Amino acid sequence: QVQLVESGGGLVQAGGSLRLSCAASERTFSNYVMGWFRQAPGKEREFVVAVSWIAGTTYYADSVKGRFTVSRDNAKNTVYLQMNNLKPEDTAVYYCAVKRGSVYNTGGFGSWGQGTQVTVSS
């Protein structure tokens, strides 16, 4: 099973930026999809974005479209989430996850990282 480790979280003021990283323990293969999710206190986990490992096809939640950008470095087995123009409502623990299948299906992720905290102050 793929092990995932997130990093890059922190405290930032509204309007600021952060870049999260998700490193996979092994090389991911052609039909893998990497996803980012977040969970705020007292709320359910929410889909943020998914990216196909080889083709780079992306699918964003409406709430982050235009502000967040996902990318991947195949050589480093790492996926990045660049978050710009952060808002207080983006405050959450951010998790990366991996599955096989379609980027457009936000379910079915089986391996999860431990999460990294993002706090946006107003």
Protein backbone atom coordinates (compact mmCIF):
# COMPACT_ATOMS: atom_id res chain seq x y z
CA GLN A 1 0.00 0.00 0.00
CA VAL A 2 1.29 3.45 -0.92
CA GLN A 3 2.35 5.58 2.03
CA LEU A 4 1.70 9.31 1.75
CA VAL A 5 3.26 12.15 3.74
CA GLU A 6 1.94 15.70 3.58
CA SER A 7 3.92 18.80 4.50
CA GLY A 8 3.83 22.54 4.03
CA GLY A 9 0.94 23.57 6.21
CA GLY A 10 1.06 26.55 8.51
CA LEU A 11 -0.47 29.83 9.57
CA VAL A 12 -1.03 32.52 6.97
CA GLN A 13 -3.03 35.71 6.74
CA ALA A 14 -6.01 36.01 4.45
CA GLY A 15 -4.85 36.71 0.91
CA GLY A 16 -1.62 34.84 1.46
CA SER A 17 -0.27 31.67 -0.12
CA LEU A 18 0.96 28.26 0.91
CA ARG A 19 2.24 25.26 -1.00
CA LEU A 20 1.50 21.80 0.29
CA SER A 21 3.45 18.72 -0.71
CA CYS A 22 2.45 15.08 -0.71
CA ALA A 23 5.24 12.56 -1.10
CA ALA A 24 4.41 8.99 -2.04
CA SER A 25 6.53 6.11 -0.77
CA GLU A 26 6.69 4.38 -4.09
CA ARG A 27 6.39 5.08 -7.75
CA THR A 28 2.78 5.52 -8.76
CA PHE A 29 1.51 4.00 -11.92
CA SER A 30 -0.38 5.03 -14.98
CA ASN A 31 -3.93 4.78 -13.68
CA TYR A 32 -3.32 6.33 -10.30
CA VAL A 33 -5.17 9.46 -9.24
CA MET A 34 -3.90 11.70 -6.46
CA GLY A 35 -6.40 13.75 -4.52
CA TRP A 36 -6.39 16.53 -1.97
CA PHE A 37 -9.12 16.77 0.63
CA ARG A 38 -9.65 18.95 3.66
CA GLN A 39 -11.56 18.75 6.90
CA ALA A 40 -12.44 21.73 9.04
CA PRO A 41 -13.38 21.33 12.72
CA GLY A 42 -16.91 20.03 13.08
CA LYS A 43 -17.32 19.51 9.35
CA GLU A 44 -17.16 16.55 7.03
CA ARG A 45 -14.15 15.90 4.87
CA GLU A 46 -14.38 17.87 1.64
CA PHE A 47 -12.92 17.16 -1.79
CA VAL A 48 -10.50 19.82 -3.04
CA VAL A 49 -8.84 18.58 -6.23
CA ALA A 50 -7.74 15.44 -8.03
CA VAL A 51 -5.03 14.90 -10.63
CA SER A 52 -4.21 11.89 -12.76
CA TRP A 53 -0.63 10.85 -12.28
CA ILE A 54 0.46 10.40 -15.89
CA ALA A 55 -1.83 12.57 -18.02
CA GLY A 56 -2.12 15.37 -15.50
CA THR A 57 -5.87 15.69 -15.92
CA THR A 58 -7.29 17.78 -13.10
CA TYR A 59 -10.65 18.26 -11.44
CA TYR A 60 -11.21 21.05 -8.91
CA ALA A 61 -13.91 21.76 -6.40
CA ASP A 62 -15.74 24.98 -7.25
CA SER A 63 -14.73 26.49 -3.93
CA VAL A 64 -11.04 26.50 -4.85
CA LYS A 65 -11.13 26.87 -8.62
CA GLY A 66 -8.98 29.78 -9.75
CA ARG A 67 -7.14 29.98 -6.43
CA PHE A 68 -5.59 26.54 -5.98
CA THR A 69 -3.37 24.73 -8.47
CA VAL A 70 -2.32 21.10 -8.31
CA SER A 71 0.86 19.81 -9.92
CA ARG A 72 3.02 16.73 -9.72
CA ASP A 73 6.64 15.76 -10.07
CA ASN A 74 6.73 12.20 -11.31
CA ALA A 75 10.45 11.84 -10.69
CA LYS A 76 9.98 12.73 -7.03
CA ASN A 77 6.67 10.87 -6.58
CA THR A 78 5.32 14.11 -5.19
CA VAL A 79 2.13 16.09 -5.71
CA TYR A 80 1.88 19.76 -4.83
CA LEU A 81 -1.03 22.00 -3.99
CA GLN A 82 -0.34 25.69 -4.52
CA MET A 83 -2.91 27.71 -2.61
CA ASN A 84 -3.23 31.41 -3.39
CA ASN A 85 -5.58 34.09 -2.15
CA LEU A 86 -6.33 32.03 0.93
CA LYS A 87 -9.48 32.75 2.89
CA PRO A 88 -10.36 32.01 6.52
CA GLU A 89 -12.83 29.39 5.28
CA ASP A 90 -9.88 27.46 3.81
CA THR A 91 -8.75 26.68 7.35
CA ALA A 92 -8.67 22.90 7.72
CA VAL A 93 -6.48 19.85 7.94
CA TYR A 94 -5.47 18.99 4.40
CA TYR A 95 -5.00 15.37 3.38
CA CYS A 96 -3.70 13.75 0.24
CA ALA A 97 -4.93 10.39 -0.95
CA VAL A 98 -4.47 7.99 -3.84
CA LYS A 99 -6.66 5.63 -5.81
CA ARG A 100 -7.01 4.00 -9.18
CA GLY A 101 -9.69 5.31 -11.50
CA SER A 102 -11.12 8.59 -12.73
CA VAL A 103 -10.30 12.08 -11.51
CA TYR A 104 -13.95 12.99 -11.95
CA ASN A 105 -15.09 10.50 -9.33
CA THR A 106 -14.30 12.09 -5.96
CA GLY A 107 -14.76 8.83 -4.08
CA GLY A 108 -12.82 5.59 -3.86
CA PHE A 109 -9.57 6.90 -2.36
CA GLY A 110 -7.92 4.16 -0.34
CA SER A 111 -4.59 5.40 0.97
CA TRP A 112 -4.42 8.58 3.02
CA GLY A 113 -1.70 10.72 4.52
CA GLN A 114 -1.68 11.95 8.10
CA GLY A 115 -2.72 15.49 7.17
CA THR A 116 -1.22 18.94 7.51
CA GLN A 117 -2.88 21.88 9.23
CA VAL A 118 -3.61 25.05 7.30
CA THR A 119 -4.84 28.03 9.28
CA VAL A 120 -5.85 31.27 7.60
CA SER A 121 -6.32 34.26 9.84
CA SER A 122 -8.59 37.15 8.94
